[in-house]
């Protein structure tokens, strides 16, 4: 099986997870499930179906949505099993940075002034 995500790629997810990710939970099935969860969440907070309308989105919008899905997937994988990291603090720091960026992206998506830009082709 391969990772199936409309808004992000397996390579982006792997890069966000880092080299110390424990492969126990870093499976194609889990990455696919986490990616779908992130995509659903983005659709919900924006009240717009990015997944169905991905072909109509501007490349910059696609890039920021891809970053969000990859970061969500990475954080989920890191928290699934932190055994691969040097210390628990290292894992927590990585997750904290992912959450920071995800919150920034969420605020941008929720900003009604950005609606035209987000949906622009």
PDB file of N, CA and C in Angstrom:
ATOM      1  N   UNK A   1       0.841  -1.193   0.000  1.00  0.00           N
ATOM      2  CA  UNK A   1       0.000   0.000   0.000  1.00  0.00           C
ATOM      3  C   UNK A   1       0.874   1.240   0.000  1.00  0.00           C
ATOM      4  N   UNK A   2       0.329   2.307  -0.494  1.00  0.00           N
ATOM      5  CA  UNK A   2       1.019   3.595  -0.462  1.00  0.00           C
ATOM      6  C   UNK A   2       0.170   4.583   0.331  1.00  0.00           C
ATOM      7  N   UNK A   3       0.805   5.647   0.760  1.00  0.00           N
ATOM      8  CA  UNK A   3       0.085   6.692   1.490  1.00  0.00           C
ATOM      9  C   UNK A   3      -0.838   7.412   0.516  1.00  0.00           C
ATOM     10  N   UNK A   4      -2.094   7.551   0.910  1.00  0.00           N
ATOM     11  CA  UNK A   4      -3.080   8.203   0.062  1.00  0.00           C
ATOM     12  C   UNK A   4      -3.563   9.471   0.746  1.00  0.00           C
ATOM     13  N   UNK A   5      -3.151  10.598   0.225  1.00  0.00           N
ATOM     14  CA  UNK A   5      -3.591  11.897   0.705  1.00  0.00           C
ATOM     15  C   UNK A   5      -3.762  12.800  -0.501  1.00  0.00           C
ATOM     16  N   UNK A   6      -4.833  13.529  -0.530  1.00  0.00           N
ATOM     17  CA  UNK A   6      -5.088  14.433  -1.651  1.00  0.00           C
ATOM     18  C   UNK A   6      -4.259  15.706  -1.516  1.00  0.00           C
ATOM     19  N   UNK A   7      -4.123  16.200  -0.292  1.00  0.00           N
ATOM     20  CA  UNK A   7      -3.499  17.499  -0.088  1.00  0.00           C
ATOM     21  C   UNK A   7      -2.016  17.450   0.253  1.00  0.00           C
ATOM     22  N   UNK A   8      -1.457  16.275   0.509  1.00  0.00           N
ATOM     23  CA  UNK A   8      -0.039  16.188   0.865  1.00  0.00           C
ATOM     24  C   UNK A   8       0.562  14.920   0.280  1.00  0.00           C
ATOM     25  N   UNK A   9       1.878  14.837   0.337  1.00  0.00           N
ATOM     26  CA  UNK A   9       2.558  13.667  -0.204  1.00  0.00           C
ATOM     27  C   UNK A   9       3.270  12.896   0.905  1.00  0.00           C
ATOM     28  N   UNK A  10       3.575  11.664   0.602  1.00  0.00           N
ATOM     29  CA  UNK A  10       4.317  10.827   1.544  1.00  0.00           C
ATOM     30  C   UNK A  10       5.678  11.445   1.860  1.00  0.00           C
ATOM     31  N   UNK A  11       6.332  11.990   0.865  1.00  0.00           N
ATOM     32  CA  UNK A  11       7.655  12.599   1.062  1.00  0.00           C
ATOM     33  C   UNK A  11       7.576  13.801   2.008  1.00  0.00           C
ATOM     34  N   UNK A  12       6.539  14.617   1.877  1.00  0.00           N
ATOM     35  CA  UNK A  12       6.372  15.766   2.768  1.00  0.00           C
ATOM     36  C   UNK A  12       6.116  15.308   4.204  1.00  0.00           C
ATOM     37  N   UNK A  13       5.303  14.286   4.339  1.00  0.00           N
ATOM     38  CA  UNK A  13       5.023  13.746   5.673  1.00  0.00           C
ATOM     39  C   UNK A  13       6.303  13.212   6.321  1.00  0.00           C
ATOM     40  N   UNK A  14       7.077  12.468   5.543  1.00  0.00           N
ATOM     41  CA  UNK A  14       8.330  11.900   6.054  1.00  0.00           C
ATOM     42  C   UNK A  14       9.305  12.994   6.478  1.00  0.00           C
ATOM     43  N   UNK A  15       9.391  14.037   5.672  1.00  0.00           N
ATOM     44  CA  UNK A  15      10.304  15.136   5.998  1.00  0.00           C
ATOM     45  C   UNK A  15       9.893  15.833   7.291  1.00  0.00           C
ATOM     46  N   UNK A  16       8.605  16.043   7.481  1.00  0.00           N
ATOM     47  CA  UNK A  16       8.127  16.702   8.700  1.00  0.00           C
ATOM     48  C   UNK A  16       8.314  15.828   9.933  1.00  0.00           C
ATOM     49  N   UNK A  17       8.256  14.513   9.770  1.00  0.00           N
ATOM     50  CA  UNK A  17       8.393  13.594  10.906  1.00  0.00           C
ATOM     51  C   UNK A  17       9.829  13.539  11.409  1.00  0.00           C
ATOM     52  N   UNK A  18      10.776  13.766  10.538  1.00  0.00           N
ATOM     53  CA  UNK A  18      12.177  13.745  10.943  1.00  0.00           C
ATOM     54  C   UNK A  18      12.792  12.359  10.899  1.00  0.00           C
ATOM     55  N   UNK A  19      14.093  12.330  11.033  1.00  0.00           N
ATOM     56  CA  UNK A  19      14.827  11.075  10.872  1.00  0.00           C
ATOM     57  C   UNK A  19      14.690  10.117  12.050  1.00  0.00           C
ATOM     58  N   UNK A  20      14.232  10.598  13.181  1.00  0.00           N
ATOM     59  CA  UNK A  20      14.130   9.734  14.359  1.00  0.00           C
ATOM     60  C   UNK A  20      12.749   9.121  14.566  1.00  0.00           C
ATOM     61  N   UNK A  21      11.856   9.300  13.600  1.00  0.00           N
ATOM     62  CA  UNK A  21      10.515   8.743  13.746  1.00  0.00           C
ATOM     63  C   UNK A  21      10.605   7.233  13.914  1.00  0.00           C
ATOM     64  N   UNK A  22       9.861   6.712  14.867  1.00  0.00           N
ATOM     65  CA  UNK A  22       9.845   5.268  15.096  1.00  0.00           C
ATOM     66  C   UNK A  22       8.908   4.626  14.069  1.00  0.00           C
ATOM     67  N   UNK A  23       9.407   3.626  13.377  1.00  0.00           N
ATOM     68  CA  UNK A  23       8.635   3.039  12.279  1.00  0.00           C
ATOM     69  C   UNK A  23       7.502   2.118  12.735  1.00  0.00           C
ATOM     70  N   UNK A  24       7.391   1.876  14.027  1.00  0.00           N
ATOM     71  CA  UNK A  24       6.316   1.014  14.534  1.00  0.00           C
ATOM     72  C   UNK A  24       4.947   1.527  14.098  1.00  0.00           C
ATOM     73  N   UNK A  25       4.700   2.795  14.253  1.00  0.00           N
ATOM     74  CA  UNK A  25       3.408   3.362  13.885  1.00  0.00           C
ATOM     75  C   UNK A  25       3.432   4.165  12.605  1.00  0.00           C
ATOM     76  N   UNK A  26       4.609   4.336  12.037  1.00  0.00           N
ATOM     77  CA  UNK A  26       4.759   5.158  10.837  1.00  0.00           C
ATOM     78  C   UNK A  26       4.483   4.298   9.603  1.00  0.00           C
ATOM     79  N   UNK A  27       3.268   3.774   9.554  1.00  0.00           N
ATOM     80  CA  UNK A  27       2.869   2.877   8.470  1.00  0.00           C
ATOM     81  C   UNK A  27       2.062   3.638   7.428  1.00  0.00           C
ATOM     82  N   UNK A  28       1.935   3.065   6.250  1.00  0.00           N
ATOM     83  CA  UNK A  28       1.132   3.692   5.203  1.00  0.00           C
ATOM     84  C   UNK A  28      -0.314   3.876   5.660  1.00  0.00           C
ATOM     85  N   UNK A  29      -0.850   2.863   6.321  1.00  0.00           N
ATOM     86  CA  UNK A  29      -2.246   2.958   6.794  1.00  0.00           C
ATOM     87  C   UNK A  29      -2.427   4.102   7.786  1.00  0.00           C
ATOM     88  N   UNK A  30      -1.513   4.230   8.742  1.00  0.00           N
ATOM     89  CA  UNK A  30      -1.630   5.306   9.724  1.00  0.00           C
ATOM     90  C   UNK A  30      -1.453   6.674   9.077  1.00  0.00           C
ATOM     91  N   UNK A  31      -0.447   6.813   8.215  1.00  0.00           N
ATOM     92  CA  UNK A  31      -0.237   8.107   7.558  1.00  0.00           C
ATOM     93  C   UNK A  31      -1.443   8.491   6.708  1.00  0.00           C
ATOM     94  N   UNK A  32      -2.038   7.512   6.033  1.00  0.00           N
ATOM     95  CA  UNK A  32      -3.244   7.783   5.249  1.00  0.00           C
ATOM     96  C   UNK A  32      -4.374   8.243   6.157  1.00  0.00           C
ATOM     97  N   UNK A  33      -4.591   7.521   7.258  1.00  0.00           N
ATOM     98  CA  UNK A  33      -5.674   7.885   8.189  1.00  0.00           C
ATOM     99  C   UNK A  33      -5.452   9.270   8.767  1.00  0.00           C
ATOM    100  N   UNK A  34      -4.236   9.567   9.216  1.00  0.00           N
ATOM    101  CA  UNK A  34      -3.939  10.884   9.789  1.00  0.00           C
ATOM    102  C   UNK A  34      -4.096  11.979   8.744  1.00  0.00           C
ATOM    103  N   UNK A  35      -3.682  11.703   7.514  1.00  0.00           N
ATOM    104  CA  UNK A  35      -3.839  12.683   6.434  1.00  0.00           C
ATOM    105  C   UNK A  35      -5.297  12.984   6.152  1.00  0.00           C
ATOM    106  N   UNK A  36      -6.127  11.943   6.120  1.00  0.00           N
ATOM    107  CA  UNK A  36      -7.563  12.131   5.890  1.00  0.00           C
ATOM    108  C   UNK A  36      -8.185  12.917   7.041  1.00  0.00           C
ATOM    109  N   UNK A  37      -7.761  12.646   8.263  1.00  0.00           N
ATOM    110  CA  UNK A  37      -8.265  13.408   9.411  1.00  0.00           C
ATOM    111  C   UNK A  37      -7.934  14.893   9.266  1.00  0.00           C
ATOM    112  N   UNK A  38      -6.695  15.184   8.899  1.00  0.00           N
ATOM    113  CA  UNK A  38      -6.273  16.583   8.740  1.00  0.00           C
ATOM    114  C   UNK A  38      -7.045  17.256   7.612  1.00  0.00           C
ATOM    115  N   UNK A  39      -7.234  16.553   6.504  1.00  0.00           N
ATOM    116  CA  UNK A  39      -7.992  17.116   5.386  1.00  0.00           C
ATOM    117  C   UNK A  39      -9.433  17.416   5.798  1.00  0.00           C
ATOM    118  N   UNK A  40     -10.042  16.500   6.525  1.00  0.00           N
ATOM    119  CA  UNK A  40     -11.403  16.714   7.004  1.00  0.00           C
ATOM    120  C   UNK A  40     -11.494  17.914   7.929  1.00  0.00           C
ATOM    121  N   UNK A  41     -10.509  18.046   8.801  1.00  0.00           N
ATOM    122  CA  UNK A  41     -10.483  19.179   9.728  1.00  0.00           C
ATOM    123  C   UNK A  41     -10.366  20.505   8.972  1.00  0.00           C
ATOM    124  N   UNK A  42      -9.492  20.554   7.984  1.00  0.00           N
ATOM    125  CA  UNK A  42      -9.339  21.775   7.192  1.00  0.00           C
ATOM    126  C   UNK A  42     -10.641  22.127   6.479  1.00  0.00           C
ATOM    127  N   UNK A  43     -11.310  21.127   5.928  1.00  0.00           N
ATOM    128  CA  UNK A  43     -12.606  21.369   5.281  1.00  0.00           C
ATOM    129  C   UNK A  43     -13.614  21.921   6.275  1.00  0.00           C
ATOM    130  N   UNK A  44     -13.617  21.363   7.479  1.00  0.00           N
ATOM    131  CA  UNK A  44     -14.569  21.772   8.505  1.00  0.00           C
ATOM    132  C   UNK A  44     -14.350  23.217   8.954  1.00  0.00           C
ATOM    133  N   UNK A  45     -13.107  23.574   9.266  1.00  0.00           N
ATOM    134  CA  UNK A  45     -12.871  24.926   9.783  1.00  0.00           C
ATOM    135  C   UNK A  45     -13.032  26.001   8.715  1.00  0.00           C
ATOM    136  N   UNK A  46     -12.860  25.610   7.456  1.00  0.00           N
ATOM    137  CA  UNK A  46     -12.984  26.590   6.373  1.00  0.00           C
ATOM    138  C   UNK A  46     -14.395  26.635   5.782  1.00  0.00           C
ATOM    139  N   UNK A  47     -15.171  25.599   6.059  1.00  0.00           N
ATOM    140  CA  UNK A  47     -16.487  25.429   5.446  1.00  0.00           C
ATOM    141  C   UNK A  47     -16.367  25.380   3.926  1.00  0.00           C
ATOM    142  N   UNK A  48     -15.289  24.756   3.468  1.00  0.00           N
ATOM    143  CA  UNK A  48     -15.014  24.612   2.039  1.00  0.00           C
ATOM    144  C   UNK A  48     -14.335  23.273   1.824  1.00  0.00           C
ATOM    145  N   UNK A  49     -14.739  22.555   0.795  1.00  0.00           N
ATOM    146  CA  UNK A  49     -14.184  21.227   0.534  1.00  0.00           C
ATOM    147  C   UNK A  49     -12.928  21.336  -0.336  1.00  0.00           C
ATOM    148  N   UNK A  50     -11.800  21.518   0.334  1.00  0.00           N
ATOM    149  CA  UNK A  50     -10.526  21.621  -0.380  1.00  0.00           C
ATOM    150  C   UNK A  50     -10.196  20.343  -1.147  1.00  0.00           C
ATOM    151  N   UNK A  51     -10.521  19.202  -0.575  1.00  0.00           N
ATOM    152  CA  UNK A  51     -10.171  17.920  -1.181  1.00  0.00           C
ATOM    153  C   UNK A  51     -10.873  17.755  -2.522  1.00  0.00           C
ATOM    154  N   UNK A  52     -12.165  17.991  -2.561  1.00  0.00           N
ATOM    155  CA  UNK A  52     -12.917  17.855  -3.806  1.00  0.00           C
ATOM    156  C   UNK A  52     -12.499  18.911  -4.824  1.00  0.00           C
ATOM    157  N   UNK A  53     -12.173  20.098  -4.344  1.00  0.00           N
ATOM    158  CA  UNK A  53     -11.879  21.221  -5.242  1.00  0.00           C
ATOM    159  C   UNK A  53     -10.385  21.505  -5.393  1.00  0.00           C
ATOM    160  N   UNK A  54      -9.549  20.539  -5.082  1.00  0.00           N
ATOM    161  CA  UNK A  54      -8.097  20.760  -5.103  1.00  0.00           C
ATOM    162  C   UNK A  54      -7.608  21.247  -6.474  1.00  0.00           C
ATOM    163  N   UNK A  55      -8.239  20.795  -7.532  1.00  0.00           N
ATOM    164  CA  UNK A  55      -7.822  21.198  -8.874  1.00  0.00           C
ATOM    165  C   UNK A  55      -8.067  22.659  -9.181  1.00  0.00           C
ATOM    166  N   UNK A  56      -8.910  23.316  -8.400  1.00  0.00           N
ATOM    167  CA  UNK A  56      -9.229  24.721  -8.652  1.00  0.00           C
ATOM    168  C   UNK A  56      -8.434  25.674  -7.758  1.00  0.00           C
ATOM    169  N   UNK A  57      -7.618  25.125  -6.866  1.00  0.00           N
ATOM    170  CA  UNK A  57      -6.894  25.961  -5.904  1.00  0.00           C
ATOM    171  C   UNK A  57      -5.608  26.523  -6.496  1.00  0.00           C
ATOM    172  N   UNK A  58      -5.246  27.703  -6.048  1.00  0.00           N
ATOM    173  CA  UNK A  58      -3.975  28.312  -6.438  1.00  0.00           C
ATOM    174  C   UNK A  58      -2.823  27.480  -5.869  1.00  0.00           C
ATOM    175  N   UNK A  59      -1.702  27.490  -6.529  1.00  0.00           N
ATOM    176  CA  UNK A  59      -0.555  26.676  -6.094  1.00  0.00           C
ATOM    177  C   UNK A  59      -0.074  27.059  -4.695  1.00  0.00           C
ATOM    178  N   UNK A  60      -0.132  28.326  -4.354  1.00  0.00           N
ATOM    179  CA  UNK A  60       0.290  28.765  -3.011  1.00  0.00           C
ATOM    180  C   UNK A  60      -0.668  28.243  -1.944  1.00  0.00           C
ATOM    181  N   UNK A  61      -1.948  28.201  -2.263  1.00  0.00           N
ATOM    182  CA  UNK A  61      -2.927  27.648  -1.329  1.00  0.00           C
ATOM    183  C   UNK A  61      -2.679  26.160  -1.140  1.00  0.00           C
ATOM    184  N   UNK A  62      -2.441  25.453  -2.233  1.00  0.00           N
ATOM    185  CA  UNK A  62      -2.145  24.021  -2.146  1.00  0.00           C
ATOM    186  C   UNK A  62      -0.916  23.774  -1.278  1.00  0.00           C
ATOM    187  N   UNK A  63       0.087  24.626  -1.407  1.00  0.00           N
ATOM    188  CA  UNK A  63       1.326  24.451  -0.647  1.00  0.00           C
ATOM    189  C   UNK A  63       1.088  24.585   0.851  1.00  0.00           C
ATOM    190  N   UNK A  64       0.293  25.553   1.258  1.00  0.00           N
ATOM    191  CA  UNK A  64       0.052  25.767   2.682  1.00  0.00           C
ATOM    192  C   UNK A  64      -0.843  24.666   3.241  1.00  0.00           C
ATOM    193  N   UNK A  65      -1.802  24.188   2.466  1.00  0.00           N
ATOM    194  CA  UNK A  65      -2.642  23.072   2.905  1.00  0.00           C
ATOM    195  C   UNK A  65      -1.825  21.793   3.016  1.00  0.00           C
ATOM    196  N   UNK A  66      -0.918  21.597   2.083  1.00  0.00           N
ATOM    197  CA  UNK A  66      -0.033  20.432   2.121  1.00  0.00           C
ATOM    198  C   UNK A  66       0.849  20.457   3.358  1.00  0.00           C
ATOM    199  N   UNK A  67       1.362  21.643   3.678  1.00  0.00           N
ATOM    200  CA  UNK A  67       2.178  21.783   4.883  1.00  0.00           C
ATOM    201  C   UNK A  67       1.377  21.386   6.112  1.00  0.00           C
ATOM    202  N   UNK A  68       0.135  21.846   6.186  1.00  0.00           N
ATOM    203  CA  UNK A  68      -0.705  21.539   7.351  1.00  0.00           C
ATOM    204  C   UNK A  68      -0.901  20.030   7.495  1.00  0.00           C
ATOM    205  N   UNK A  69      -1.286  19.369   6.412  1.00  0.00           N
ATOM    206  CA  UNK A  69      -1.545  17.925   6.463  1.00  0.00           C
ATOM    207  C   UNK A  69      -0.266  17.165   6.825  1.00  0.00           C
ATOM    208  N   UNK A  70       0.854  17.561   6.252  1.00  0.00           N
ATOM    209  CA  UNK A  70       2.126  16.889   6.555  1.00  0.00           C
ATOM    210  C   UNK A  70       2.509  17.085   8.019  1.00  0.00           C
ATOM    211  N   UNK A  71       2.312  18.282   8.542  1.00  0.00           N
ATOM    212  CA  UNK A  71       2.644  18.547   9.951  1.00  0.00           C
ATOM    213  C   UNK A  71       1.716  17.785  10.897  1.00  0.00           C
ATOM    214  N   UNK A  72       0.428  17.731  10.588  1.00  0.00           N
ATOM    215  CA  UNK A  72      -0.512  16.993  11.420  1.00  0.00           C
ATOM    216  C   UNK A  72      -0.128  15.509  11.444  1.00  0.00           C
ATOM    217  N   UNK A  73       0.160  14.974  10.288  1.00  0.00           N
ATOM    218  CA  UNK A  73       0.549  13.567  10.183  1.00  0.00           C
ATOM    219  C   UNK A  73       1.838  13.310  10.948  1.00  0.00           C
ATOM    220  N   UNK A  74       2.810  14.190  10.806  1.00  0.00           N
ATOM    221  CA  UNK A  74       4.081  14.035  11.508  1.00  0.00           C
ATOM    222  C   UNK A  74       3.892  14.079  13.019  1.00  0.00           C
ATOM    223  N   UNK A  75       3.133  15.045  13.499  1.00  0.00           N
ATOM    224  CA  UNK A  75       2.890  15.149  14.939  1.00  0.00           C
ATOM    225  C   UNK A  75       2.196  13.897  15.459  1.00  0.00           C
ATOM    226  N   UNK A  76       1.243  13.391  14.707  1.00  0.00           N
ATOM    227  CA  UNK A  76       0.545  12.163  15.108  1.00  0.00           C
ATOM    228  C   UNK A  76       1.505  10.982  15.166  1.00  0.00           C
ATOM    229  N   UNK A  77       2.392  10.894  14.187  1.00  0.00           N
ATOM    230  CA  UNK A  77       3.371   9.807  14.169  1.00  0.00           C
ATOM    231  C   UNK A  77       4.376   9.904  15.294  1.00  0.00           C
ATOM    232  N   UNK A  78       4.824  11.117  15.576  1.00  0.00           N
ATOM    233  CA  UNK A  78       5.778  11.321  16.670  1.00  0.00           C
ATOM    234  C   UNK A  78       5.143  10.911  17.994  1.00  0.00           C
ATOM    235  N   UNK A  79       3.908  11.323  18.214  1.00  0.00           N
ATOM    236  CA  UNK A  79       3.232  11.015  19.467  1.00  0.00           C
ATOM    237  C   UNK A  79       2.788   9.558  19.556  1.00  0.00           C
ATOM    238  N   UNK A  80       2.675   8.878  18.426  1.00  0.00           N
ATOM    239  CA  UNK A  80       2.307   7.465  18.426  1.00  0.00           C
ATOM    240  C   UNK A  80       3.334   6.647  19.203  1.00  0.00           C
ATOM    241  N   UNK A  81       4.616   6.976  18.976  1.00  0.00           N
ATOM    242  CA  UNK A  81       5.693   6.288  19.689  1.00  0.00           C
ATOM    243  C   UNK A  81       6.939   7.163  19.639  1.00  0.00           C
ATOM    244  N   UNK A  82       7.303   7.716  20.770  1.00  0.00           N
ATOM    245  CA  UNK A  82       8.451   8.627  20.838  1.00  0.00           C
ATOM    246  C   UNK A  82       9.773   7.895  21.039  1.00  0.00           C
ATOM    247  N   UNK A  83       9.753   6.579  20.982  1.00  0.00           N
ATOM    248  CA  UNK A  83      10.946   5.780  21.303  1.00  0.00           C
ATOM    249  C   UNK A  83      12.146   6.083  20.406  1.00  0.00           C
ATOM    250  N   UNK A  84      11.921   6.517  19.184  1.00  0.00           N
ATOM    251  CA  UNK A  84      13.027   6.765  18.272  1.00  0.00           C
ATOM    252  C   UNK A  84      13.799   8.051  18.552  1.00  0.00           C
ATOM    253  N   UNK A  85      13.253   8.909  19.380  1.00  0.00           N
ATOM    254  CA  UNK A  85      13.888  10.193  19.639  1.00  0.00           C
ATOM    255  C   UNK A  85      14.883  10.095  20.784  1.00  0.00           C
ATOM    256  N   UNK A  86      15.886  10.928  20.755  1.00  0.00           N
ATOM    257  CA  UNK A  86      16.946  10.925  21.763  1.00  0.00           C
ATOM    258  C   UNK A  86      16.367  11.102  23.161  1.00  0.00           C
ATOM    259  N   UNK A  87      15.444  12.047  23.287  1.00  0.00           N
ATOM    260  CA  UNK A  87      14.758  12.287  24.560  1.00  0.00           C
ATOM    261  C   UNK A  87      13.304  12.620  24.273  1.00  0.00           C
ATOM    262  N   UNK A  88      12.488  12.519  25.280  1.00  0.00           N
ATOM    263  CA  UNK A  88      11.083  12.902  25.135  1.00  0.00           C
ATOM    264  C   UNK A  88      10.969  14.397  24.841  1.00  0.00           C
ATOM    265  N   UNK A  89      11.899  15.173  25.346  1.00  0.00           N
ATOM    266  CA  UNK A  89      11.894  16.622  25.102  1.00  0.00           C
ATOM    267  C   UNK A  89      12.100  16.915  23.620  1.00  0.00           C
ATOM    268  N   UNK A  90      12.962  16.155  22.967  1.00  0.00           N
ATOM    269  CA  UNK A  90      13.178  16.335  21.529  1.00  0.00           C
ATOM    270  C   UNK A  90      11.870  16.114  20.771  1.00  0.00           C
ATOM    271  N   UNK A  91      11.177  15.043  21.102  1.00  0.00           N
ATOM    272  CA  UNK A  91       9.899  14.748  20.452  1.00  0.00           C
ATOM    273  C   UNK A  91       8.876  15.842  20.744  1.00  0.00           C
ATOM    274  N   UNK A  92       8.797  16.275  21.990  1.00  0.00           N
ATOM    275  CA  UNK A  92       7.847  17.324  22.366  1.00  0.00           C
ATOM    276  C   UNK A  92       8.153  18.636  21.656  1.00  0.00           C
ATOM    277  N   UNK A  93       9.437  18.964  21.512  1.00  0.00           N
ATOM    278  CA  UNK A  93       9.815  20.187  20.800  1.00  0.00           C
ATOM    279  C   UNK A  93       9.368  20.135  19.344  1.00  0.00           C
ATOM    280  N   UNK A  94       9.549  18.982  18.714  1.00  0.00           N
ATOM    281  CA  UNK A  94       9.124  18.842  17.319  1.00  0.00           C
ATOM    282  C   UNK A  94       7.609  19.012  17.204  1.00  0.00           C
ATOM    283  N   UNK A  95       6.869  18.357  18.074  1.00  0.00           N
ATOM    284  CA  UNK A  95       5.417  18.461  18.041  1.00  0.00           C
ATOM    285  C   UNK A  95       4.983  19.900  18.318  1.00  0.00           C
ATOM    286  N   UNK A  96       5.631  20.556  19.260  1.00  0.00           N
ATOM    287  CA  UNK A  96       5.279  21.943  19.581  1.00  0.00           C
ATOM    288  C   UNK A  96       5.456  22.854  18.376  1.00  0.00           C
ATOM    289  N   UNK A  97       6.531  22.660  17.634  1.00  0.00           N
ATOM    290  CA  UNK A  97       6.743  23.486  16.447  1.00  0.00           C
ATOM    291  C   UNK A  97       5.682  23.184  15.393  1.00  0.00           C
ATOM    292  N   UNK A  98       5.351  21.920  15.202  1.00  0.00           N
ATOM    293  CA  UNK A  98       4.287  21.570  14.250  1.00  0.00           C
ATOM    294  C   UNK A  98       2.971  22.234  14.648  1.00  0.00           C
ATOM    295  N   UNK A  99       2.628  22.159  15.925  1.00  0.00           N
ATOM    296  CA  UNK A  99       1.382  22.756  16.405  1.00  0.00           C
ATOM    297  C   UNK A  99       1.395  24.272  16.193  1.00  0.00           C
ATOM    298  N   UNK A 100       2.530  24.903  16.453  1.00  0.00           N
ATOM    299  CA  UNK A 100       2.659  26.349  16.244  1.00  0.00           C
ATOM    300  C   UNK A 100       2.331  26.709  14.790  1.00  0.00           C
ATOM    301  N   UNK A 101       2.945  26.011  13.852  1.00  0.00           N
ATOM    302  CA  UNK A 101       2.716  26.301  12.435  1.00  0.00           C
ATOM    303  C   UNK A 101       1.273  25.970  12.030  1.00  0.00           C
ATOM    304  N   UNK A 102       0.737  24.869  12.553  1.00  0.00           N
ATOM    305  CA  UNK A 102      -0.626  24.494  12.230  1.00  0.00           C
ATOM    306  C   UNK A 102      -1.619  25.549  12.719  1.00  0.00           C
ATOM    307  N   UNK A 103      -1.386  26.092  13.895  1.00  0.00           N
ATOM    308  CA  UNK A 103      -2.260  27.143  14.416  1.00  0.00           C
ATOM    309  C   UNK A 103      -2.198  28.396  13.545  1.00  0.00           C
ATOM    310  N   UNK A 104      -1.015  28.731  13.050  1.00  0.00           N
ATOM    311  CA  UNK A 104      -0.885  29.882  12.152  1.00  0.00           C
ATOM    312  C   UNK A 104      -1.676  29.649  10.872  1.00  0.00           C
ATOM    313  N   UNK A 105      -1.559  28.457  10.311  1.00  0.00           N
ATOM    314  CA  UNK A 105      -2.282  28.124   9.081  1.00  0.00           C
ATOM    315  C   UNK A 105      -3.785  28.154   9.336  1.00  0.00           C
ATOM    316  N   UNK A 106      -4.222  27.608  10.462  1.00  0.00           N
ATOM    317  CA  UNK A 106      -5.647  27.625  10.804  1.00  0.00           C
ATOM    318  C   UNK A 106      -6.180  29.057  10.887  1.00  0.00           C
ATOM    319  N   UNK A 107      -5.430  29.942  11.510  1.00  0.00           N
ATOM    320  CA  UNK A 107      -5.897  31.324  11.644  1.00  0.00           C
ATOM    321  C   UNK A 107      -6.013  31.983  10.272  1.00  0.00           C
ATOM    322  N   UNK A 108      -5.113  31.662   9.383  1.00  0.00           N
ATOM    323  CA  UNK A 108      -5.159  32.205   8.023  1.00  0.00           C
ATOM    324  C   UNK A 108      -6.382  31.669   7.284  1.00  0.00           C
ATOM    325  N   UNK A 109      -6.646  30.384   7.416  1.00  0.00           N
ATOM    326  CA  UNK A 109      -7.786  29.777   6.731  1.00  0.00           C
ATOM    327  C   UNK A 109      -9.114  30.324   7.275  1.00  0.00           C
ATOM    328  N   UNK A 110      -9.190  30.547   8.578  1.00  0.00           N
ATOM    329  CA  UNK A 110     -10.422  31.036   9.199  1.00  0.00           C
ATOM    330  C   UNK A 110     -10.678  32.516   8.921  1.00  0.00           C
ATOM    331  N   UNK A 111      -9.661  33.266   8.541  1.00  0.00           N
ATOM    332  CA  UNK A 111      -9.780  34.695   8.295  1.00  0.00           C
ATOM    333  C   UNK A 111     -10.634  34.930   7.047  1.00  0.00           C
ATOM    334  N   UNK A 112     -11.811  35.476   7.227  1.00  0.00           N
ATOM    335  CA  UNK A 112     -12.738  35.672   6.123  1.00  0.00           C
ATOM    336  C   UNK A 112     -12.177  36.599   5.043  1.00  0.00           C
ATOM    337  N   UNK A 113     -11.264  37.485   5.415  1.00  0.00           N
ATOM    338  CA  UNK A 113     -10.667  38.382   4.418  1.00  0.00           C
ATOM    339  C   UNK A 113      -9.834  37.593   3.412  1.00  0.00           C
ATOM    340  N   UNK A 114      -9.403  36.393   3.788  1.00  0.00           N
ATOM    341  CA  UNK A 114      -8.569  35.577   2.912  1.00  0.00           C
ATOM    342  C   UNK A 114      -9.384  34.654   2.012  1.00  0.00           C
ATOM    343  N   UNK A 115     -10.701  34.623   2.193  1.00  0.00           N
ATOM    344  CA  UNK A 115     -11.538  33.649   1.489  1.00  0.00           C
ATOM    345  C   UNK A 115     -11.353  33.693  -0.025  1.00  0.00           C
ATOM    346  N   UNK A 116     -11.363  34.872  -0.611  1.00  0.00           N
ATOM    347  CA  UNK A 116     -11.192  34.979  -2.055  1.00  0.00           C
ATOM    348  C   UNK A 116      -9.844  34.455  -2.493  1.00  0.00           C
ATOM    349  N   UNK A 117      -8.806  34.795  -1.757  1.00  0.00           N
ATOM    350  CA  UNK A 117      -7.477  34.333  -2.098  1.00  0.00           C
ATOM    351  C   UNK A 117      -7.357  32.823  -1.962  1.00  0.00           C
ATOM    352  N   UNK A 118      -7.907  32.252  -0.903  1.00  0.00           N
ATOM    353  CA  UNK A 118      -7.804  30.818  -0.660  1.00  0.00           C
ATOM    354  C   UNK A 118      -8.433  30.027  -1.799  1.00  0.00           C
ATOM    355  N   UNK A 119      -9.560  30.476  -2.282  1.00  0.00           N
ATOM    356  CA  UNK A 119     -10.303  29.732  -3.308  1.00  0.00           C
ATOM    357  C   UNK A 119      -9.949  30.159  -4.721  1.00  0.00           C
ATOM    358  N   UNK A 120      -9.033  31.093  -4.852  1.00  0.00           N
ATOM    359  CA  UNK A 120      -8.646  31.612  -6.160  1.00  0.00           C
ATOM    360  C   UNK A 120      -7.830  30.582  -6.942  1.00  0.00           C
ATOM    361  N   UNK A 121      -8.086  30.492  -8.231  1.00  0.00           N
ATOM    362  CA  UNK A 121      -7.322  29.582  -9.088  1.00  0.00           C
ATOM    363  C   UNK A 121      -6.157  30.284  -9.696  1.00  0.00           C
TER     364      UNK A 121
END
